[in-house]
Amino acid sequence: MTALRLASAFWIQHDSCNCFRRNNKNCGLWPLKRDAILQSTATWPQTILLTVLAIGTSLKTYVVTRTSFETSLWPVYPFFFAFPCFPSVFDSLFKMAVRIRTFEERDQEIVRQLVLGGLAERWGSEFNPLFNQDTKDVQGYYLQRNKATVAVLEDVEREVVIGCGILLPLPAEDVYDSWCAEPESTKASHEGLKLARMMRLSLSSEHRGKGYAKKIIHYLVDQAREQGFDRILVETERHWASAVGVYKAAGFIVAAEDAEKVHYEYLL
């Protein structure tokens, strides 16, 4: 009986392939999948396996179109109600291929746009790009002058930079007033430690909420560990929910805070 159900699943998958190849959504695909599920009396593990096999080609279609999620995953809807995590699990399987590499001079303009774009979204009409002069010369100011590590996240297929982040060794001269001074309350606990500041973490708007920011953070944390730093400092706005959330999720702890700012640190 189990073998028969598995064979049926492969047959449904083949039918799905033909339907999608013809780009015909009214070719009997839904009834076939529906009947296969409703008529099955398999155990839960067997049913889940059957369903996964049956929608294999539909998932491939989702990879290509990235717009047919509801249609292509119709047969697994019953399991979405039973297991709410299924959609996010499937979605995570089809993230585009990305890689993190070190900053190159050709990345200057896109990195500047990413940083300023994120700040403009956060501050709206209050945003003033004149307060971010450090982004005009990332190569000279961060890499050459301050020996920082500048990472960029790149869409491998399109070869487009979609995110960035900087690890700045401390102490460093804040020529352009780009970051806040370390709070007095934490200086005593940091005495004798090798410190670095994580900053300018930015992602293009269409790629947020997919775990890419955490990927950049983990890369910079690994770089800090390899370079022998003891702690990483981060400063952000107290009410910048997305920034606060990503640093907390990455393991940063609150070192100090006031009405406007939150200072985080990561112990290496």
C-alpha atoms as a PDB file:
ATOM      1  CA  MET A   1       0.000   0.000   0.000  1.00  0.00           C
ATOM      2  CA  THR A   2       2.801   2.399   0.889  1.00  0.00           C
ATOM      3  CA  ALA A   3       4.541   1.634  -2.405  1.00  0.00           C
ATOM      4  CA  LEU A   4       1.317   2.392  -4.265  1.00  0.00           C
ATOM      5  CA  ARG A   5       0.980   5.768  -2.573  1.00  0.00           C
ATOM      6  CA  LEU A   6       4.568   6.642  -3.373  1.00  0.00           C
ATOM      7  CA  ALA A   7       4.015   5.633  -6.988  1.00  0.00           C
ATOM      8  CA  SER A   8       0.932   7.855  -7.069  1.00  0.00           C
ATOM      9  CA  ALA A   9       2.969  10.721  -5.728  1.00  0.00           C
ATOM     10  CA  PHE A  10       5.526  10.378  -8.496  1.00  0.00           C
ATOM     11  CA  TRP A  11       2.740  10.213 -11.063  1.00  0.00           C
ATOM     12  CA  ILE A  12       1.182  13.408  -9.702  1.00  0.00           C
ATOM     13  CA  GLN A  13       4.594  15.050  -9.785  1.00  0.00           C
ATOM     14  CA  HIS A  14       4.990  14.061 -13.437  1.00  0.00           C
ATOM     15  CA  ASP A  15       1.552  15.463 -14.230  1.00  0.00           C
ATOM     16  CA  SER A  16       2.489  18.686 -12.478  1.00  0.00           C
ATOM     17  CA  CYS A  17       5.612  18.945 -14.584  1.00  0.00           C
ATOM     18  CA  ASN A  18       3.602  18.610 -17.799  1.00  0.00           C
ATOM     19  CA  CYS A  19       1.039  21.165 -16.682  1.00  0.00           C
ATOM     20  CA  PHE A  20       3.585  23.763 -15.728  1.00  0.00           C
ATOM     21  CA  ARG A  21       5.584  23.122 -18.898  1.00  0.00           C
ATOM     22  CA  ARG A  22       2.439  23.957 -20.868  1.00  0.00           C
ATOM     23  CA  ASN A  23       1.784  26.888 -18.531  1.00  0.00           C
ATOM     24  CA  ASN A  24      -1.751  25.639 -18.125  1.00  0.00           C
ATOM     25  CA  LYS A  25      -3.154  25.943 -14.629  1.00  0.00           C
ATOM     26  CA  ASN A  26      -6.533  24.470 -15.560  1.00  0.00           C
ATOM     27  CA  CYS A  27      -5.286  21.073 -16.696  1.00  0.00           C
ATOM     28  CA  GLY A  28      -6.759  19.027 -13.874  1.00  0.00           C
ATOM     29  CA  LEU A  29      -3.774  19.552 -11.619  1.00  0.00           C
ATOM     30  CA  TRP A  30      -5.670  20.648  -8.547  1.00  0.00           C
ATOM     31  CA  PRO A  31      -8.275  17.840  -8.567  1.00  0.00           C
ATOM     32  CA  LEU A  32      -5.566  15.216  -9.040  1.00  0.00           C
ATOM     33  CA  LYS A  33      -3.570  16.474  -6.098  1.00  0.00           C
ATOM     34  CA  ARG A  34      -6.681  16.972  -4.014  1.00  0.00           C
ATOM     35  CA  ASP A  35      -7.903  13.430  -4.627  1.00  0.00           C
ATOM     36  CA  ALA A  36      -4.496  11.969  -3.881  1.00  0.00           C
ATOM     37  CA  ILE A  37      -4.495  13.636  -0.491  1.00  0.00           C
ATOM     38  CA  LEU A  38      -8.135  13.162   0.470  1.00  0.00           C
ATOM     39  CA  GLN A  39      -8.213   9.466  -0.474  1.00  0.00           C
ATOM     40  CA  SER A  40      -4.991   8.624   1.347  1.00  0.00           C
ATOM     41  CA  THR A  41      -5.270   6.802   4.665  1.00  0.00           C
ATOM     42  CA  ALA A  42      -1.532   6.825   5.318  1.00  0.00           C
ATOM     43  CA  THR A  43      -0.001   7.578   8.674  1.00  0.00           C
ATOM     44  CA  TRP A  44       1.186  11.116   9.331  1.00  0.00           C
ATOM     45  CA  PRO A  45       4.827  10.438   8.358  1.00  0.00           C
ATOM     46  CA  GLN A  46       3.719   8.645   5.188  1.00  0.00           C
ATOM     47  CA  THR A  47       1.263  11.394   4.290  1.00  0.00           C
ATOM     48  CA  ILE A  48       3.871  14.095   4.751  1.00  0.00           C
ATOM     49  CA  LEU A  49       6.304  12.178   2.534  1.00  0.00           C
ATOM     50  CA  LEU A  50       3.592  11.672  -0.079  1.00  0.00           C
ATOM     51  CA  THR A  51       2.755  15.357  -0.099  1.00  0.00           C
ATOM     52  CA  VAL A  52       6.371  16.452  -0.362  1.00  0.00           C
ATOM     53  CA  LEU A  53       6.917  14.193  -3.360  1.00  0.00           C
ATOM     54  CA  ALA A  54       3.689  15.350  -4.989  1.00  0.00           C
ATOM     55  CA  ILE A  55       4.609  19.022  -4.850  1.00  0.00           C
ATOM     56  CA  GLY A  56       8.251  18.646  -5.849  1.00  0.00           C
ATOM     57  CA  THR A  57       7.807  20.199  -9.270  1.00  0.00           C
ATOM     58  CA  SER A  58       5.520  22.883  -7.904  1.00  0.00           C
ATOM     59  CA  LEU A  59       8.296  23.944  -5.576  1.00  0.00           C
ATOM     60  CA  LYS A  60      10.649  24.139  -8.527  1.00  0.00           C
ATOM     61  CA  THR A  61       8.164  26.455 -10.180  1.00  0.00           C
ATOM     62  CA  TYR A  62       8.171  28.641  -7.066  1.00  0.00           C
ATOM     63  CA  VAL A  63      11.935  28.882  -7.298  1.00  0.00           C
ATOM     64  CA  VAL A  64      11.673  30.234 -10.825  1.00  0.00           C
ATOM     65  CA  THR A  65       8.707  32.564 -10.487  1.00  0.00           C
ATOM     66  CA  ARG A  66       8.861  33.462  -6.780  1.00  0.00           C
ATOM     67  CA  THR A  67       5.313  34.648  -7.224  1.00  0.00           C
ATOM     68  CA  SER A  68       3.241  31.441  -7.298  1.00  0.00           C
ATOM     69  CA  PHE A  69       3.521  30.455  -3.644  1.00  0.00           C
ATOM     70  CA  GLU A  70      -0.191  30.147  -2.927  1.00  0.00           C
ATOM     71  CA  THR A  71      -1.035  28.340  -6.183  1.00  0.00           C
ATOM     72  CA  SER A  72       1.899  25.975  -6.383  1.00  0.00           C
ATOM     73  CA  LEU A  73       1.633  24.809  -2.780  1.00  0.00           C
ATOM     74  CA  TRP A  74      -2.134  24.181  -2.813  1.00  0.00           C
ATOM     75  CA  PRO A  75      -1.900  20.484  -1.920  1.00  0.00           C
ATOM     76  CA  VAL A  76       0.073  21.112   1.248  1.00  0.00           C
ATOM     77  CA  TYR A  77      -2.350  23.691   2.666  1.00  0.00           C
ATOM     78  CA  PRO A  78      -3.829  21.187   5.171  1.00  0.00           C
ATOM     79  CA  PHE A  79      -0.390  20.775   6.683  1.00  0.00           C
ATOM     80  CA  PHE A  80       0.119  24.533   6.893  1.00  0.00           C
ATOM     81  CA  PHE A  81      -2.716  24.590   9.418  1.00  0.00           C
ATOM     82  CA  ALA A  82      -1.302  21.619  11.318  1.00  0.00           C
ATOM     83  CA  PHE A  83       2.298  22.874  11.158  1.00  0.00           C
ATOM     84  CA  PRO A  84       2.400  26.714  10.938  1.00  0.00           C
ATOM     85  CA  CYS A  85       6.165  26.665  10.417  1.00  0.00           C
ATOM     86  CA  PHE A  86       5.888  24.907   7.013  1.00  0.00           C
ATOM     87  CA  PRO A  87       5.595  28.046   4.824  1.00  0.00           C
ATOM     88  CA  SER A  88       8.630  29.705   6.365  1.00  0.00           C
ATOM     89  CA  VAL A  89      10.604  26.465   6.135  1.00  0.00           C
ATOM     90  CA  PHE A  90       9.804  26.056   2.435  1.00  0.00           C
ATOM     91  CA  ASP A  91      10.465  29.732   1.779  1.00  0.00           C
ATOM     92  CA  SER A  92      13.866  29.508   3.452  1.00  0.00           C
ATOM     93  CA  LEU A  93      14.853  26.705   1.098  1.00  0.00           C
ATOM     94  CA  PHE A  94      14.619  29.004  -1.898  1.00  0.00           C
ATOM     95  CA  LYS A  95      16.666  31.985  -0.806  1.00  0.00           C
ATOM     96  CA  MET A  96      18.882  33.174  -3.579  1.00  0.00           C
ATOM     97  CA  ALA A  97      22.547  32.278  -3.465  1.00  0.00           C
ATOM     98  CA  VAL A  98      24.568  34.960  -1.708  1.00  0.00           C
ATOM     99  CA  ARG A  99      28.165  35.315  -0.653  1.00  0.00           C
ATOM    100  CA  ILE A 100      30.069  37.640   1.627  1.00  0.00           C
ATOM    101  CA  ARG A 101      33.307  39.132   0.409  1.00  0.00           C
ATOM    102  CA  THR A 102      35.570  42.008   1.336  1.00  0.00           C
ATOM    103  CA  PHE A 103      34.898  45.504   0.039  1.00  0.00           C
ATOM    104  CA  GLU A 104      36.469  46.568  -3.251  1.00  0.00           C
ATOM    105  CA  GLU A 105      36.761  50.081  -4.655  1.00  0.00           C
ATOM    106  CA  ARG A 106      34.107  49.320  -7.261  1.00  0.00           C
ATOM    107  CA  ASP A 107      31.614  48.833  -4.393  1.00  0.00           C
ATOM    108  CA  GLN A 108      31.929  52.433  -3.186  1.00  0.00           C
ATOM    109  CA  GLU A 109      28.761  53.882  -4.687  1.00  0.00           C
ATOM    110  CA  ILE A 110      26.454  50.951  -3.955  1.00  0.00           C
ATOM    111  CA  VAL A 111      27.628  50.761  -0.336  1.00  0.00           C
ATOM    112  CA  ARG A 112      27.038  54.485   0.075  1.00  0.00           C
ATOM    113  CA  GLN A 113      23.554  54.121  -1.410  1.00  0.00           C
ATOM    114  CA  LEU A 114      22.730  51.206   0.886  1.00  0.00           C
ATOM    115  CA  VAL A 115      23.768  53.082   4.019  1.00  0.00           C
ATOM    116  CA  LEU A 116      22.120  56.380   3.107  1.00  0.00           C
ATOM    117  CA  GLY A 117      19.010  54.633   1.814  1.00  0.00           C
ATOM    118  CA  GLY A 118      18.500  52.783   5.090  1.00  0.00           C
ATOM    119  CA  LEU A 119      18.986  55.957   7.112  1.00  0.00           C
ATOM    120  CA  ALA A 120      16.605  57.899   4.870  1.00  0.00           C
ATOM    121  CA  GLU A 121      13.916  55.248   5.419  1.00  0.00           C
ATOM    122  CA  ARG A 122      14.437  55.454   9.170  1.00  0.00           C
ATOM    123  CA  TRP A 123      14.456  59.254   9.533  1.00  0.00           C
ATOM    124  CA  GLY A 124      12.299  60.380   6.628  1.00  0.00           C
ATOM    125  CA  SER A 125      12.227  64.154   6.202  1.00  0.00           C
ATOM    126  CA  GLU A 126      14.628  64.570   9.143  1.00  0.00           C
ATOM    127  CA  PHE A 127      17.405  62.725   7.329  1.00  0.00           C
ATOM    128  CA  ASN A 128      20.433  64.792   6.360  1.00  0.00           C
ATOM    129  CA  PRO A 129      23.085  63.016   4.254  1.00  0.00           C
ATOM    130  CA  LEU A 130      25.628  65.687   5.228  1.00  0.00           C
ATOM    131  CA  PHE A 131      25.949  63.922   8.589  1.00  0.00           C
ATOM    132  CA  ASN A 132      27.353  60.805   6.881  1.00  0.00           C
ATOM    133  CA  GLN A 133      30.489  62.028   5.188  1.00  0.00           C
ATOM    134  CA  ASP A 134      32.338  58.825   6.113  1.00  0.00           C
ATOM    135  CA  THR A 135      30.411  57.003   3.364  1.00  0.00           C
ATOM    136  CA  LYS A 136      31.976  59.155   0.633  1.00  0.00           C
ATOM    137  CA  ASP A 137      35.300  57.331   0.808  1.00  0.00           C
ATOM    138  CA  VAL A 138      34.926  53.898   2.375  1.00  0.00           C
ATOM    139  CA  GLN A 139      38.226  52.714   0.937  1.00  0.00           C
ATOM    140  CA  GLY A 140      40.241  55.641   2.238  1.00  0.00           C
ATOM    141  CA  TYR A 141      38.501  56.346   5.541  1.00  0.00           C
ATOM    142  CA  TYR A 142      37.742  52.847   6.815  1.00  0.00           C
ATOM    143  CA  LEU A 143      40.167  50.509   5.096  1.00  0.00           C
ATOM    144  CA  GLN A 144      43.300  52.639   4.729  1.00  0.00           C
ATOM    145  CA  ARG A 145      43.000  55.091   7.609  1.00  0.00           C
ATOM    146  CA  ASN A 146      41.361  52.895  10.257  1.00  0.00           C
ATOM    147  CA  LYS A 147      42.277  49.359   9.094  1.00  0.00           C
ATOM    148  CA  ALA A 148      38.646  48.325   9.317  1.00  0.00           C
ATOM    149  CA  THR A 149      37.043  45.202   7.902  1.00  0.00           C
ATOM    150  CA  VAL A 150      34.348  46.133   5.386  1.00  0.00           C
ATOM    151  CA  ALA A 151      32.131  43.272   4.226  1.00  0.00           C
ATOM    152  CA  VAL A 152      29.617  43.266   1.388  1.00  0.00           C
ATOM    153  CA  LEU A 153      26.850  40.749   0.762  1.00  0.00           C
ATOM    154  CA  GLU A 154      26.464  39.926  -2.919  1.00  0.00           C
ATOM    155  CA  ASP A 155      23.730  38.255  -4.942  1.00  0.00           C
ATOM    156  CA  VAL A 156      25.837  35.618  -6.689  1.00  0.00           C
ATOM    157  CA  GLU A 157      23.626  35.209  -9.745  1.00  0.00           C
ATOM    158  CA  ARG A 158      23.225  38.918 -10.514  1.00  0.00           C
ATOM    159  CA  GLU A 159      26.601  39.946  -9.063  1.00  0.00           C
ATOM    160  CA  VAL A 160      24.903  42.823  -7.239  1.00  0.00           C
ATOM    161  CA  VAL A 161      25.793  44.020  -3.736  1.00  0.00           C
ATOM    162  CA  ILE A 162      22.686  43.916  -1.533  1.00  0.00           C
ATOM    163  CA  GLY A 163      24.162  44.488   1.935  1.00  0.00           C
ATOM    164  CA  CYS A 164      27.190  45.663   3.868  1.00  0.00           C
ATOM    165  CA  GLY A 165      28.706  45.988   7.321  1.00  0.00           C
ATOM    166  CA  ILE A 166      31.863  47.377   8.927  1.00  0.00           C
ATOM    167  CA  LEU A 167      34.053  46.193  11.795  1.00  0.00           C
ATOM    168  CA  LEU A 168      36.093  49.141  13.068  1.00  0.00           C
ATOM    169  CA  PRO A 169      39.060  48.606  15.430  1.00  0.00           C
ATOM    170  CA  LEU A 170      39.076  50.891  18.478  1.00  0.00           C
ATOM    171  CA  PRO A 171      40.285  53.396  19.406  1.00  0.00           C
ATOM    172  CA  ALA A 172      39.615  55.283  16.172  1.00  0.00           C
ATOM    173  CA  GLU A 173      39.347  58.991  15.456  1.00  0.00           C
ATOM    174  CA  ASP A 174      35.756  59.879  14.611  1.00  0.00           C
ATOM    175  CA  VAL A 175      36.560  62.548  12.036  1.00  0.00           C
ATOM    176  CA  TYR A 176      33.025  62.827  10.684  1.00  0.00           C
ATOM    177  CA  ASP A 177      31.091  62.245  13.924  1.00  0.00           C
ATOM    178  CA  SER A 178      29.836  58.932  12.537  1.00  0.00           C
ATOM    179  CA  TRP A 179      29.331  57.087  15.813  1.00  0.00           C
ATOM    180  CA  CYS A 180      28.675  57.804  19.463  1.00  0.00           C
ATOM    181  CA  ALA A 181      31.412  57.774  22.066  1.00  0.00           C
ATOM    182  CA  GLU A 182      31.553  54.828  24.406  1.00  0.00           C
ATOM    183  CA  PRO A 183      29.345  55.454  27.478  1.00  0.00           C
ATOM    184  CA  GLU A 184      31.228  56.380  30.645  1.00  0.00           C
ATOM    185  CA  SER A 185      29.422  53.575  32.473  1.00  0.00           C
ATOM    186  CA  THR A 186      31.108  50.890  30.378  1.00  0.00           C
ATOM    187  CA  LYS A 187      34.659  52.261  30.121  1.00  0.00           C
ATOM    188  CA  ALA A 188      35.861  50.687  33.373  1.00  0.00           C
ATOM    189  CA  SER A 189      34.711  47.206  32.340  1.00  0.00           C
ATOM    190  CA  HIS A 190      36.431  47.588  28.957  1.00  0.00           C
ATOM    191  CA  GLU A 191      39.783  48.681  30.316  1.00  0.00           C
ATOM    192  CA  GLY A 192      42.586  46.544  28.912  1.00  0.00           C
ATOM    193  CA  LEU A 193      40.324  44.858  26.352  1.00  0.00           C
ATOM    194  CA  LYS A 194      40.803  44.889  22.590  1.00  0.00           C
ATOM    195  CA  LEU A 195      37.617  46.439  21.249  1.00  0.00           C
ATOM    196  CA  ALA A 196      35.981  46.813  17.839  1.00  0.00           C
ATOM    197  CA  ARG A 197      32.828  48.603  16.746  1.00  0.00           C
ATOM    198  CA  MET A 198      30.295  47.077  14.356  1.00  0.00           C
ATOM    199  CA  MET A 199      28.575  49.711  12.257  1.00  0.00           C
ATOM    200  CA  ARG A 200      26.986  50.650   8.952  1.00  0.00           C
ATOM    201  CA  LEU A 201      25.042  47.387   8.798  1.00  0.00           C
ATOM    202  CA  SER A 202      22.699  47.889   5.856  1.00  0.00           C
ATOM    203  CA  LEU A 203      20.529  45.835   3.501  1.00  0.00           C
ATOM    204  CA  SER A 204      18.509  46.753   0.448  1.00  0.00           C
ATOM    205  CA  SER A 205      14.843  46.989   1.382  1.00  0.00           C
ATOM    206  CA  GLU A 206      13.686  44.033  -0.753  1.00  0.00           C
ATOM    207  CA  HIS A 207      16.103  41.654   0.962  1.00  0.00           C
ATOM    208  CA  ARG A 208      15.276  42.387   4.582  1.00  0.00           C
ATOM    209  CA  GLY A 209      13.642  39.883   6.873  1.00  0.00           C
ATOM    210  CA  LYS A 210      15.398  36.911   5.247  1.00  0.00           C
ATOM    211  CA  GLY A 211      18.294  36.420   7.653  1.00  0.00           C
ATOM    212  CA  TYR A 212      20.878  38.218   5.534  1.00  0.00           C
ATOM    213  CA  ALA A 213      21.673  40.842   8.176  1.00  0.00           C
ATOM    214  CA  LYS A 214      22.452  38.073  10.644  1.00  0.00           C
ATOM    215  CA  LYS A 215      24.716  36.489   8.030  1.00  0.00           C
ATOM    216  CA  ILE A 216      26.738  39.704   7.786  1.00  0.00           C
ATOM    217  CA  ILE A 217      26.886  40.001  11.578  1.00  0.00           C
ATOM    218  CA  HIS A 218      28.146  36.442  11.970  1.00  0.00           C
ATOM    219  CA  TYR A 219      30.813  37.070   9.353  1.00  0.00           C
ATOM    220  CA  LEU A 220      32.041  40.186  11.150  1.00  0.00           C
ATOM    221  CA  VAL A 221      31.959  38.392  14.505  1.00  0.00           C
ATOM    222  CA  ASP A 222      34.134  35.634  13.033  1.00  0.00           C
ATOM    223  CA  GLN A 223      36.514  38.253  11.655  1.00  0.00           C
ATOM    224  CA  ALA A 224      36.727  39.937  15.061  1.00  0.00           C
ATOM    225  CA  ARG A 225      37.478  36.614  16.721  1.00  0.00           C
ATOM    226  CA  GLU A 226      40.207  35.828  14.187  1.00  0.00           C
ATOM    227  CA  GLN A 227      41.757  39.269  14.713  1.00  0.00           C
ATOM    228  CA  GLY A 228      41.921  38.757  18.466  1.00  0.00           C
ATOM    229  CA  PHE A 229      39.291  41.232  19.644  1.00  0.00           C
ATOM    230  CA  ASP A 230      37.690  40.724  23.043  1.00  0.00           C
ATOM    231  CA  ARG A 231      34.397  42.539  22.506  1.00  0.00           C
ATOM    232  CA  ILE A 232      32.351  44.121  19.745  1.00  0.00           C
ATOM    233  CA  LEU A 233      30.442  47.315  20.481  1.00  0.00           C
ATOM    234  CA  VAL A 234      27.276  48.464  18.710  1.00  0.00           C
ATOM    235  CA  GLU A 235      25.271  51.630  19.129  1.00  0.00           C
ATOM    236  CA  THR A 236      21.803  52.134  17.664  1.00  0.00           C
ATOM    237  CA  GLU A 237      18.583  54.047  18.222  1.00  0.00           C
ATOM    238  CA  ARG A 238      16.449  52.731  21.033  1.00  0.00           C
ATOM    239  CA  HIS A 239      13.276  52.867  18.927  1.00  0.00           C
ATOM    240  CA  TRP A 240      14.766  51.488  15.718  1.00  0.00           C
ATOM    241  CA  ALA A 241      12.933  48.191  16.088  1.00  0.00           C
ATOM    242  CA  SER A 242      14.505  46.319  13.177  1.00  0.00           C
ATOM    243  CA  ALA A 243      18.052  47.182  14.258  1.00  0.00           C
ATOM    244  CA  VAL A 244      17.392  46.357  17.906  1.00  0.00           C
ATOM    245  CA  GLY A 245      15.805  43.059  16.912  1.00  0.00           C
ATOM    246  CA  VAL A 246      18.624  41.870  14.671  1.00  0.00           C
ATOM    247  CA  TYR A 247      21.356  42.604  17.223  1.00  0.00           C
ATOM    248  CA  LYS A 248      19.451  40.898  20.022  1.00  0.00           C
ATOM    249  CA  ALA A 249      18.821  37.870  17.817  1.00  0.00           C
ATOM    250  CA  ALA A 250      22.528  37.706  16.982  1.00  0.00           C
ATOM    251  CA  GLY A 251      23.512  37.469  20.649  1.00  0.00           C
ATOM    252  CA  PHE A 252      24.389  41.053  21.545  1.00  0.00           C
ATOM    253  CA  ILE A 253      23.591  42.146  25.101  1.00  0.00           C
ATOM    254  CA  VAL A 254      22.703  45.592  26.400  1.00  0.00           C
ATOM    255  CA  ALA A 255      25.685  47.349  27.981  1.00  0.00           C
ATOM    256  CA  ALA A 256      24.076  50.753  28.513  1.00  0.00           C
ATOM    257  CA  GLU A 257      21.036  52.684  27.358  1.00  0.00           C
ATOM    258  CA  ASP A 258      19.305  56.024  27.715  1.00  0.00           C
ATOM    259  CA  ALA A 259      16.169  57.652  26.347  1.00  0.00           C
ATOM    260  CA  GLU A 260      17.480  57.632  22.764  1.00  0.00           C
ATOM    261  CA  LYS A 261      20.406  55.239  22.393  1.00  0.00           C
ATOM    262  CA  VAL A 262      21.128  51.608  23.158  1.00  0.00           C
ATOM    263  CA  HIS A 263      24.712  50.372  23.433  1.00  0.00           C
ATOM    264  CA  TYR A 264      25.201  46.664  22.826  1.00  0.00           C
ATOM    265  CA  GLU A 265      28.252  44.486  23.155  1.00  0.00           C
ATOM    266  CA  TYR A 266      29.203  41.020  22.030  1.00  0.00           C
ATOM    267  CA  LEU A 267      31.602  38.991  24.174  1.00  0.00           C
ATOM    268  CA  LEU A 268      34.097  37.013  22.139  1.00  0.00           C
END
